[in-house]
């Protein structure tokens, strides 16, 4: 019979007695966020989560990322942050980074200087050699019925959904932006 106490004890032991150290990063600029992600990574932190929106401290829209201190034996990471209102550009940039060993970690929305809301994607590489090869597919549409059809088509080709946001392009449209991933063949 499953015992929650045993599972909790096992997880706490695996996590270093249940103690975690976090670093919170917040900015309104994509270039600043990438710099801060990499500075934190150099200090031994790894990306955990990201969210865009208005915060009480900023008084305007900003992106907040949370990083967690890694155990000393874990490999340091490096990060790239991609932001665009064009899905085709994002897919090309993600493919290029994937060839360099980067993998998808998270996505959110940045408010751009042009009044739009750009989808921002955080990519991570572990160590000097990177991770296993992956390929990405981005699906963007303003209709949920179309989104379902396109997700199912991509799913039949072996792509798994890893992220979803609603972005507003500079050209005036809200789009559901899905990022899908599969292992490269």
N, C-alpha and C. Protein backbone atom coordinates (compact mmCIF):
# COMPACT_ATOMS: atom_id res chain seq x y z
N UNK A 1 0.84 -1.18 0.00
CA UNK A 1 0.00 0.00 0.00
C UNK A 1 0.88 1.25 0.00
N UNK A 2 0.49 2.24 -0.76
CA UNK A 2 1.25 3.49 -0.88
C UNK A 2 1.13 4.29 0.39
N UNK A 3 2.28 4.84 0.86
CA UNK A 3 2.27 5.64 2.07
C UNK A 3 2.84 7.01 1.75
N UNK A 4 2.02 8.08 1.86
CA UNK A 4 2.50 9.42 1.56
C UNK A 4 3.73 9.83 2.37
N UNK A 5 3.83 9.40 3.60
CA UNK A 5 4.96 9.77 4.45
C UNK A 5 6.25 9.23 3.86
N UNK A 6 6.26 8.00 3.39
CA UNK A 6 7.46 7.41 2.81
C UNK A 6 7.88 8.16 1.56
N UNK A 7 6.92 8.52 0.72
CA UNK A 7 7.23 9.26 -0.50
C UNK A 7 7.78 10.63 -0.16
N UNK A 8 7.17 11.30 0.81
CA UNK A 8 7.65 12.61 1.23
C UNK A 8 9.07 12.52 1.74
N UNK A 9 9.36 11.53 2.55
CA UNK A 9 10.71 11.36 3.09
C UNK A 9 11.72 11.09 1.97
N UNK A 10 11.33 10.28 1.01
CA UNK A 10 12.22 9.99 -0.11
C UNK A 10 12.51 11.25 -0.93
N UNK A 11 11.48 12.04 -1.22
CA UNK A 11 11.67 13.27 -1.97
C UNK A 11 12.53 14.26 -1.21
N UNK A 12 12.32 14.37 0.10
CA UNK A 12 13.12 15.29 0.91
C UNK A 12 14.58 14.87 0.92
N UNK A 13 14.85 13.59 1.02
CA UNK A 13 16.23 13.11 1.02
C UNK A 13 16.88 13.38 -0.33
N UNK A 14 16.14 13.16 -1.40
CA UNK A 14 16.67 13.38 -2.75
C UNK A 14 16.93 14.86 -3.00
N UNK A 15 16.18 15.73 -2.35
CA UNK A 15 16.32 17.17 -2.58
C UNK A 15 17.25 17.84 -1.58
N UNK A 16 18.02 17.06 -0.83
CA UNK A 16 18.93 17.65 0.14
C UNK A 16 18.16 18.09 1.37
N UNK A 17 17.41 17.15 1.96
CA UNK A 17 16.63 17.37 3.17
C UNK A 17 15.56 18.44 2.96
N UNK A 18 15.09 18.60 1.73
CA UNK A 18 13.98 19.48 1.47
C UNK A 18 14.30 20.96 1.52
N UNK A 19 15.54 21.31 1.40
CA UNK A 19 15.92 22.71 1.42
C UNK A 19 16.30 23.17 0.03
N UNK A 20 15.73 24.29 -0.38
CA UNK A 20 16.00 24.84 -1.69
C UNK A 20 16.35 26.31 -1.56
N UNK A 21 17.22 26.77 -2.42
CA UNK A 21 17.55 28.20 -2.47
C UNK A 21 17.14 28.71 -3.84
N UNK A 22 16.41 29.83 -3.85
CA UNK A 22 15.89 30.38 -5.09
C UNK A 22 16.46 31.76 -5.36
N UNK A 23 16.47 32.12 -6.62
CA UNK A 23 16.84 33.47 -7.05
C UNK A 23 15.71 33.94 -7.97
N UNK A 24 15.20 35.15 -7.69
CA UNK A 24 14.11 35.72 -8.49
C UNK A 24 14.69 36.83 -9.35
N UNK A 25 14.45 36.74 -10.66
CA UNK A 25 14.91 37.74 -11.62
C UNK A 25 13.67 38.44 -12.20
N UNK A 26 13.74 39.75 -12.36
CA UNK A 26 12.61 40.48 -12.92
C UNK A 26 13.11 41.64 -13.76
N UNK A 27 12.54 41.79 -14.96
CA UNK A 27 12.94 42.87 -15.85
C UNK A 27 11.86 43.12 -16.89
N UNK A 28 11.99 44.24 -17.58
CA UNK A 28 11.07 44.56 -18.68
C UNK A 28 11.75 44.35 -20.03
N UNK A 29 13.05 44.02 -20.04
CA UNK A 29 13.80 43.88 -21.29
C UNK A 29 14.30 42.46 -21.49
N UNK A 30 14.12 41.94 -22.70
CA UNK A 30 14.56 40.58 -22.99
C UNK A 30 16.08 40.45 -22.88
N UNK A 31 16.82 41.45 -23.35
CA UNK A 31 18.28 41.36 -23.30
C UNK A 31 18.78 41.32 -21.86
N UNK A 32 18.12 42.06 -20.98
CA UNK A 32 18.49 42.05 -19.56
C UNK A 32 18.20 40.70 -18.94
N UNK A 33 17.06 40.10 -19.27
CA UNK A 33 16.69 38.81 -18.71
C UNK A 33 17.69 37.74 -19.11
N UNK A 34 18.09 37.69 -20.39
CA UNK A 34 19.07 36.69 -20.82
C UNK A 34 20.38 36.86 -20.05
N UNK A 35 20.82 38.09 -19.90
CA UNK A 35 22.06 38.37 -19.16
C UNK A 35 21.94 37.89 -17.71
N UNK A 36 20.82 38.20 -17.06
CA UNK A 36 20.63 37.81 -15.67
C UNK A 36 20.48 36.29 -15.51
N UNK A 37 19.83 35.63 -16.47
CA UNK A 37 19.74 34.17 -16.42
C UNK A 37 21.13 33.54 -16.45
N UNK A 38 22.00 34.05 -17.33
CA UNK A 38 23.34 33.49 -17.46
C UNK A 38 24.24 33.85 -16.28
N UNK A 39 24.06 35.02 -15.70
CA UNK A 39 24.81 35.37 -14.48
C UNK A 39 24.43 34.44 -13.34
N UNK A 40 23.14 34.18 -13.19
CA UNK A 40 22.68 33.27 -12.14
C UNK A 40 23.18 31.85 -12.42
N UNK A 41 23.19 31.43 -13.67
CA UNK A 41 23.69 30.10 -14.03
C UNK A 41 25.17 29.97 -13.66
N UNK A 42 25.95 31.01 -13.90
CA UNK A 42 27.36 30.99 -13.52
C UNK A 42 27.54 30.84 -12.01
N UNK A 43 26.57 31.33 -11.25
CA UNK A 43 26.62 31.23 -9.79
C UNK A 43 26.02 29.90 -9.31
N UNK A 44 25.66 29.00 -10.24
CA UNK A 44 25.19 27.68 -9.87
C UNK A 44 23.68 27.50 -9.80
N UNK A 45 22.93 28.37 -10.44
CA UNK A 45 21.46 28.26 -10.44
C UNK A 45 20.98 27.71 -11.78
N UNK A 46 19.79 27.09 -11.74
CA UNK A 46 19.14 26.58 -12.95
C UNK A 46 17.72 27.11 -13.02
N UNK A 47 17.25 27.32 -14.23
CA UNK A 47 15.91 27.85 -14.49
C UNK A 47 14.83 26.90 -13.95
N UNK A 48 13.78 27.48 -13.35
CA UNK A 48 12.65 26.71 -12.85
C UNK A 48 11.35 27.14 -13.52
N UNK A 49 11.06 28.46 -13.53
CA UNK A 49 9.77 28.92 -14.05
C UNK A 49 9.87 30.36 -14.52
N UNK A 50 8.92 30.75 -15.39
CA UNK A 50 8.87 32.12 -15.89
C UNK A 50 7.41 32.53 -16.05
N UNK A 51 7.16 33.82 -15.85
CA UNK A 51 5.81 34.36 -16.02
C UNK A 51 5.90 35.83 -16.37
N UNK A 52 5.11 36.27 -17.31
CA UNK A 52 5.06 37.67 -17.68
C UNK A 52 3.77 38.31 -17.20
N UNK A 53 3.83 39.61 -16.88
CA UNK A 53 2.63 40.32 -16.46
C UNK A 53 2.98 41.50 -15.58
N UNK A 54 1.97 42.12 -15.03
CA UNK A 54 2.17 43.26 -14.14
C UNK A 54 2.46 42.76 -12.73
N UNK A 55 3.46 43.38 -12.11
CA UNK A 55 3.78 43.06 -10.72
C UNK A 55 3.66 44.33 -9.90
N UNK A 56 3.43 44.19 -8.63
CA UNK A 56 3.24 45.35 -7.75
C UNK A 56 4.49 46.22 -7.68
N UNK A 57 5.67 45.60 -7.69
CA UNK A 57 6.91 46.35 -7.54
C UNK A 57 7.29 47.16 -8.77
N UNK A 58 6.95 46.68 -9.94
CA UNK A 58 7.39 47.34 -11.16
C UNK A 58 6.46 48.47 -11.60
N UNK A 59 5.19 48.34 -11.32
CA UNK A 59 4.23 49.33 -11.76
C UNK A 59 3.90 49.21 -13.24
N UNK A 60 4.51 48.26 -13.92
CA UNK A 60 4.24 48.00 -15.33
C UNK A 60 4.52 46.53 -15.60
N UNK A 61 4.33 46.14 -16.84
CA UNK A 61 4.54 44.74 -17.20
C UNK A 61 6.02 44.40 -17.15
N UNK A 62 6.32 43.26 -16.57
CA UNK A 62 7.68 42.75 -16.55
C UNK A 62 7.63 41.23 -16.59
N UNK A 63 8.77 40.65 -16.81
CA UNK A 63 8.88 39.20 -16.79
C UNK A 63 9.65 38.81 -15.54
N UNK A 64 9.13 37.80 -14.85
CA UNK A 64 9.77 37.29 -13.64
C UNK A 64 10.18 35.85 -13.90
N UNK A 65 11.46 35.54 -13.65
CA UNK A 65 11.97 34.17 -13.77
C UNK A 65 12.47 33.75 -12.40
N UNK A 66 12.27 32.48 -12.09
CA UNK A 66 12.76 31.93 -10.83
C UNK A 66 13.78 30.85 -11.15
N UNK A 67 14.90 30.90 -10.43
CA UNK A 67 15.97 29.92 -10.59
C UNK A 67 16.23 29.26 -9.25
N UNK A 68 16.72 28.02 -9.28
CA UNK A 68 16.99 27.24 -8.08
C UNK A 68 18.46 26.88 -8.04
N UNK A 69 19.06 27.00 -6.86
CA UNK A 69 20.47 26.64 -6.68
C UNK A 69 20.64 25.15 -6.92
N UNK A 70 21.62 24.80 -7.75
CA UNK A 70 21.91 23.41 -8.06
C UNK A 70 22.83 22.80 -7.02
N UNK A 71 22.73 21.50 -6.78
CA UNK A 71 23.73 20.84 -5.95
C UNK A 71 25.11 21.00 -6.61
N UNK A 72 26.15 21.03 -5.83
CA UNK A 72 27.50 21.31 -6.33
C UNK A 72 27.93 20.38 -7.47
N UNK A 73 27.47 19.14 -7.47
CA UNK A 73 27.92 18.18 -8.49
C UNK A 73 27.20 18.32 -9.82
N UNK A 74 26.13 19.10 -9.88
CA UNK A 74 25.39 19.24 -11.14
C UNK A 74 26.08 20.21 -12.08
N UNK A 75 25.95 19.95 -13.37
CA UNK A 75 26.56 20.76 -14.41
C UNK A 75 25.88 22.11 -14.52
N UNK A 76 26.67 23.15 -14.68
CA UNK A 76 26.12 24.49 -14.88
C UNK A 76 25.42 24.57 -16.23
N UNK A 77 24.50 25.48 -16.31
CA UNK A 77 23.69 25.66 -17.52
C UNK A 77 24.03 27.00 -18.19
N UNK A 78 23.62 27.12 -19.44
CA UNK A 78 23.66 28.42 -20.12
C UNK A 78 22.30 28.62 -20.78
N UNK A 79 21.94 29.89 -20.97
CA UNK A 79 20.58 30.21 -21.43
C UNK A 79 20.59 31.17 -22.60
N UNK A 80 19.57 31.02 -23.43
CA UNK A 80 19.26 31.97 -24.50
C UNK A 80 17.79 32.30 -24.38
N UNK A 81 17.47 33.57 -24.56
CA UNK A 81 16.09 34.02 -24.53
C UNK A 81 15.75 34.55 -25.91
N UNK A 82 14.73 33.99 -26.51
CA UNK A 82 14.26 34.40 -27.83
C UNK A 82 12.93 35.11 -27.67
N UNK A 83 12.76 36.23 -28.36
CA UNK A 83 11.48 36.95 -28.30
C UNK A 83 11.15 37.51 -29.67
N UNK A 84 9.94 37.23 -30.13
CA UNK A 84 9.50 37.73 -31.43
C UNK A 84 7.99 37.68 -31.52
N UNK A 85 7.44 38.44 -32.42
CA UNK A 85 6.00 38.37 -32.69
C UNK A 85 5.75 37.57 -33.97
N UNK A 86 6.80 37.03 -34.57
CA UNK A 86 6.68 36.22 -35.79
C UNK A 86 7.02 34.77 -35.49
N UNK A 87 6.05 33.89 -35.66
CA UNK A 87 6.22 32.48 -35.36
C UNK A 87 7.31 31.85 -36.20
N UNK A 88 7.37 32.19 -37.48
CA UNK A 88 8.39 31.58 -38.37
C UNK A 88 9.79 31.94 -37.90
N UNK A 89 10.00 33.15 -37.44
CA UNK A 89 11.31 33.57 -36.92
C UNK A 89 11.65 32.77 -35.68
N UNK A 90 10.70 32.61 -34.77
CA UNK A 90 10.94 31.87 -33.54
C UNK A 90 11.31 30.42 -33.83
N UNK A 91 10.59 29.79 -34.75
CA UNK A 91 10.87 28.38 -35.06
C UNK A 91 12.28 28.24 -35.63
N UNK A 92 12.70 29.14 -36.51
CA UNK A 92 14.06 29.09 -37.09
C UNK A 92 15.12 29.27 -36.01
N UNK A 93 14.90 30.24 -35.11
CA UNK A 93 15.87 30.49 -34.04
C UNK A 93 15.95 29.31 -33.08
N UNK A 94 14.81 28.70 -32.76
CA UNK A 94 14.82 27.54 -31.88
C UNK A 94 15.53 26.36 -32.53
N UNK A 95 15.33 26.16 -33.84
CA UNK A 95 16.00 25.07 -34.55
C UNK A 95 17.51 25.27 -34.53
N UNK A 96 17.95 26.50 -34.73
CA UNK A 96 19.37 26.80 -34.71
C UNK A 96 19.97 26.50 -33.34
N UNK A 97 19.30 26.92 -32.28
CA UNK A 97 19.80 26.66 -30.93
C UNK A 97 19.77 25.17 -30.61
N UNK A 98 18.76 24.45 -31.08
CA UNK A 98 18.68 23.01 -30.85
C UNK A 98 19.89 22.30 -31.45
N UNK A 99 20.33 22.76 -32.61
CA UNK A 99 21.52 22.17 -33.23
C UNK A 99 22.78 22.42 -32.39
N UNK A 100 22.74 23.44 -31.54
CA UNK A 100 23.86 23.76 -30.65
C UNK A 100 23.70 23.14 -29.26
N UNK A 101 22.70 22.26 -29.10
CA UNK A 101 22.52 21.55 -27.83
C UNK A 101 21.56 22.19 -26.86
N UNK A 102 20.85 23.24 -27.26
CA UNK A 102 19.88 23.87 -26.38
C UNK A 102 18.54 23.15 -26.47
N UNK A 103 17.78 23.21 -25.38
CA UNK A 103 16.45 22.62 -25.35
C UNK A 103 15.47 23.63 -24.73
N UNK A 104 14.22 23.48 -25.03
CA UNK A 104 13.16 24.34 -24.52
C UNK A 104 13.02 24.18 -23.01
N UNK A 105 12.86 25.32 -22.31
CA UNK A 105 12.63 25.28 -20.87
C UNK A 105 11.34 25.97 -20.46
N UNK A 106 10.95 27.03 -21.16
CA UNK A 106 9.73 27.73 -20.77
C UNK A 106 9.42 28.86 -21.73
N UNK A 107 8.21 29.39 -21.60
CA UNK A 107 7.81 30.51 -22.44
C UNK A 107 6.84 31.39 -21.69
N UNK A 108 6.82 32.64 -22.11
CA UNK A 108 5.90 33.62 -21.55
C UNK A 108 5.70 34.70 -22.59
N UNK A 109 5.16 35.83 -22.17
CA UNK A 109 4.92 36.94 -23.08
C UNK A 109 5.57 38.20 -22.51
N UNK A 110 6.32 38.91 -23.36
CA UNK A 110 6.91 40.20 -23.03
C UNK A 110 6.09 41.28 -23.72
N UNK A 111 5.87 42.39 -23.07
CA UNK A 111 5.27 43.54 -23.74
C UNK A 111 6.37 44.24 -24.52
N UNK A 112 6.17 44.42 -25.82
CA UNK A 112 7.21 45.01 -26.66
C UNK A 112 7.07 46.53 -26.72
N UNK A 113 8.12 47.17 -27.16
CA UNK A 113 8.13 48.63 -27.30
C UNK A 113 7.16 49.10 -28.38
N UNK A 114 6.74 48.20 -29.26
CA UNK A 114 5.85 48.56 -30.36
C UNK A 114 4.37 48.35 -30.01
N UNK A 115 4.09 48.08 -28.76
CA UNK A 115 2.70 47.94 -28.33
C UNK A 115 2.16 46.53 -28.46
N UNK A 116 2.95 45.61 -28.94
CA UNK A 116 2.51 44.23 -29.04
C UNK A 116 3.00 43.42 -27.86
N UNK A 117 2.65 42.17 -27.88
CA UNK A 117 3.10 41.26 -26.83
C UNK A 117 3.83 40.13 -27.50
N UNK A 118 5.14 40.11 -27.36
CA UNK A 118 5.97 39.10 -28.01
C UNK A 118 6.04 37.83 -27.17
N UNK A 119 6.00 36.70 -27.85
CA UNK A 119 6.24 35.43 -27.17
C UNK A 119 7.74 35.33 -26.93
N UNK A 120 8.09 35.01 -25.69
CA UNK A 120 9.49 34.84 -25.31
C UNK A 120 9.71 33.40 -24.89
N UNK A 121 10.78 32.80 -25.40
CA UNK A 121 11.10 31.41 -25.11
C UNK A 121 12.48 31.35 -24.46
N UNK A 122 12.59 30.57 -23.40
CA UNK A 122 13.87 30.36 -22.73
C UNK A 122 14.39 28.99 -23.13
N UNK A 123 15.62 28.98 -23.64
CA UNK A 123 16.29 27.75 -24.06
C UNK A 123 17.48 27.53 -23.13
N UNK A 124 17.76 26.25 -22.81
CA UNK A 124 18.82 25.91 -21.87
C UNK A 124 19.76 24.87 -22.46
N UNK A 125 21.05 25.02 -22.14
CA UNK A 125 22.05 24.01 -22.51
C UNK A 125 22.81 23.63 -21.26
N UNK A 126 23.00 22.33 -21.06
CA UNK A 126 23.75 21.84 -19.90
C UNK A 126 25.17 21.49 -20.33
N UNK A 127 26.13 21.99 -19.58
CA UNK A 127 27.52 21.64 -19.83
C UNK A 127 28.04 22.15 -21.16
N UNK A 128 29.18 21.64 -21.57
CA UNK A 128 29.84 22.07 -22.80
C UNK A 128 29.29 21.39 -24.04
N UNK A 129 28.73 20.21 -23.89
CA UNK A 129 28.32 19.45 -25.06
C UNK A 129 26.86 19.58 -25.41
N UNK A 130 26.06 20.12 -24.52
CA UNK A 130 24.64 20.23 -24.81
C UNK A 130 23.92 18.93 -24.57
N UNK A 131 22.65 18.92 -24.90
CA UNK A 131 21.82 17.75 -24.66
C UNK A 131 21.53 17.00 -25.94
N UNK A 132 20.59 16.05 -25.86
CA UNK A 132 20.24 15.27 -27.05
C UNK A 132 19.57 16.16 -28.09
N UNK A 133 19.71 15.79 -29.35
CA UNK A 133 19.13 16.58 -30.43
C UNK A 133 17.61 16.56 -30.40
N UNK A 134 17.04 17.73 -30.54
CA UNK A 134 15.59 17.85 -30.59
C UNK A 134 15.21 18.75 -31.75
N UNK A 135 13.97 18.65 -32.16
CA UNK A 135 13.46 19.59 -33.15
C UNK A 135 12.14 20.13 -32.66
N UNK A 136 11.83 21.34 -33.10
CA UNK A 136 10.66 22.05 -32.61
C UNK A 136 9.69 22.38 -33.73
N UNK A 137 8.43 22.47 -33.35
CA UNK A 137 7.39 22.92 -34.27
C UNK A 137 6.55 23.93 -33.51
N UNK A 138 6.33 25.08 -34.11
CA UNK A 138 5.48 26.10 -33.50
C UNK A 138 4.17 26.16 -34.27
N UNK A 139 3.09 26.18 -33.53
CA UNK A 139 1.76 26.27 -34.11
C UNK A 139 1.13 27.54 -33.55
N UNK A 140 0.73 28.43 -34.43
CA UNK A 140 0.11 29.69 -33.99
C UNK A 140 -1.17 29.93 -34.77
N UNK A 141 -2.23 30.21 -34.06
CA UNK A 141 -3.52 30.49 -34.69
C UNK A 141 -4.37 31.31 -33.73
N UNK A 142 -5.37 31.98 -34.26
CA UNK A 142 -6.27 32.73 -33.38
C UNK A 142 -7.59 31.99 -33.15
N UNK A 143 -7.68 30.75 -33.60
CA UNK A 143 -8.90 29.96 -33.43
C UNK A 143 -8.57 28.66 -32.70
N UNK A 144 -9.26 28.39 -31.61
CA UNK A 144 -8.98 27.18 -30.84
C UNK A 144 -9.30 25.91 -31.63
N UNK A 145 -10.32 25.95 -32.50
CA UNK A 145 -10.65 24.77 -33.30
C UNK A 145 -9.51 24.45 -34.27
N UNK A 146 -8.92 25.48 -34.85
CA UNK A 146 -7.78 25.28 -35.75
C UNK A 146 -6.58 24.77 -34.94
N UNK A 147 -6.40 25.30 -33.74
CA UNK A 147 -5.30 24.89 -32.88
C UNK A 147 -5.38 23.40 -32.59
N UNK A 148 -6.55 22.91 -32.24
CA UNK A 148 -6.71 21.49 -31.94
C UNK A 148 -6.35 20.64 -33.15
N UNK A 149 -6.82 21.02 -34.32
CA UNK A 149 -6.53 20.26 -35.54
C UNK A 149 -5.02 20.23 -35.79
N UNK A 150 -4.36 21.38 -35.69
CA UNK A 150 -2.92 21.43 -35.95
C UNK A 150 -2.10 20.69 -34.89
N UNK A 151 -2.54 20.77 -33.62
CA UNK A 151 -1.84 20.02 -32.58
C UNK A 151 -1.95 18.52 -32.83
N UNK A 152 -3.13 18.06 -33.22
CA UNK A 152 -3.30 16.63 -33.49
C UNK A 152 -2.47 16.18 -34.69
N UNK A 153 -2.37 17.01 -35.72
CA UNK A 153 -1.52 16.67 -36.87
C UNK A 153 -0.06 16.56 -36.44
N UNK A 154 0.40 17.52 -35.65
CA UNK A 154 1.78 17.49 -35.16
C UNK A 154 1.99 16.28 -34.24
N UNK A 155 0.99 15.98 -33.41
CA UNK A 155 1.08 14.83 -32.51
C UNK A 155 1.23 13.52 -33.27
N UNK A 156 0.56 13.39 -34.40
CA UNK A 156 0.69 12.18 -35.23
C UNK A 156 2.11 12.06 -35.80
N UNK A 157 2.80 13.19 -35.92
CA UNK A 157 4.17 13.18 -36.41
C UNK A 157 5.19 13.04 -35.27
N UNK A 158 4.69 12.78 -34.05
CA UNK A 158 5.58 12.54 -32.93
C UNK A 158 5.95 13.76 -32.11
N UNK A 159 5.32 14.91 -32.37
CA UNK A 159 5.61 16.11 -31.60
C UNK A 159 4.75 16.15 -30.34
N UNK A 160 5.37 16.49 -29.23
CA UNK A 160 4.70 16.59 -27.94
C UNK A 160 4.61 18.06 -27.54
N UNK A 161 3.45 18.49 -27.07
CA UNK A 161 3.26 19.87 -26.63
C UNK A 161 4.08 20.11 -25.37
N UNK A 162 4.89 21.20 -25.37
CA UNK A 162 5.68 21.55 -24.19
C UNK A 162 5.34 22.93 -23.66
N UNK A 163 4.66 23.77 -24.44
CA UNK A 163 4.33 25.10 -23.95
C UNK A 163 3.23 25.75 -24.75
N UNK A 164 2.49 26.65 -24.07
CA UNK A 164 1.37 27.36 -24.69
C UNK A 164 1.26 28.74 -24.08
N UNK A 165 1.17 29.75 -24.93
CA UNK A 165 0.92 31.12 -24.48
C UNK A 165 -0.03 31.79 -25.46
N UNK A 166 -0.55 32.93 -25.06
CA UNK A 166 -1.32 33.77 -25.96
C UNK A 166 -0.50 35.02 -26.18
N UNK A 167 -0.10 35.24 -27.43
CA UNK A 167 0.69 36.42 -27.76
C UNK A 167 -0.09 37.34 -28.67
N UNK A 168 0.20 38.62 -28.58
CA UNK A 168 -0.45 39.60 -29.44
C UNK A 168 0.62 40.18 -30.36
N UNK A 169 0.45 39.98 -31.64
CA UNK A 169 1.44 40.47 -32.59
C UNK A 169 1.34 41.97 -32.74
N UNK A 170 2.40 42.57 -33.24
CA UNK A 170 2.42 44.02 -33.49
C UNK A 170 1.41 44.39 -34.57
N UNK A 171 0.94 43.41 -35.32
CA UNK A 171 -0.01 43.67 -36.40
C UNK A 171 -1.45 43.58 -35.91
N UNK A 172 -1.64 43.38 -34.59
CA UNK A 172 -2.98 43.50 -34.02
C UNK A 172 -3.78 42.24 -33.83
N UNK A 173 -3.17 41.10 -33.69
CA UNK A 173 -3.96 39.91 -33.48
C UNK A 173 -3.50 39.10 -32.29
N UNK A 174 -4.45 38.51 -31.57
CA UNK A 174 -4.11 37.57 -30.50
C UNK A 174 -3.95 36.20 -31.13
N UNK A 175 -2.89 35.51 -30.75
CA UNK A 175 -2.66 34.17 -31.26
C UNK A 175 -2.34 33.22 -30.13
N UNK A 176 -2.86 32.00 -30.23
CA UNK A 176 -2.43 30.92 -29.36
C UNK A 176 -1.13 30.41 -29.97
N UNK A 177 -0.06 30.41 -29.20
CA UNK A 177 1.23 29.95 -29.70
C UNK A 177 1.62 28.70 -28.93
N UNK A 178 1.64 27.57 -29.63
CA UNK A 178 2.03 26.29 -29.03
C UNK A 178 3.41 25.92 -29.52
N UNK A 179 4.22 25.42 -28.60
CA UNK A 179 5.55 24.92 -28.95
C UNK A 179 5.53 23.42 -28.69
N UNK A 180 5.94 22.69 -29.72
CA UNK A 180 5.98 21.23 -29.65
C UNK A 180 7.41 20.77 -29.89
N UNK A 181 7.76 19.60 -29.33
CA UNK A 181 9.13 19.10 -29.44
C UNK A 181 9.10 17.59 -29.69
N UNK A 182 10.09 17.14 -30.44
CA UNK A 182 10.33 15.69 -30.58
C UNK A 182 11.83 15.49 -30.70
N UNK A 183 12.26 14.31 -30.38
CA UNK A 183 13.68 13.97 -30.53
C UNK A 183 14.03 13.96 -32.00
N UNK A 184 15.17 14.53 -32.33
CA UNK A 184 15.60 14.60 -33.73
C UNK A 184 15.91 13.20 -34.23
N UNK A 185 15.59 12.98 -35.48
CA UNK A 185 15.82 11.65 -36.09
C UNK A 185 17.19 11.56 -36.70
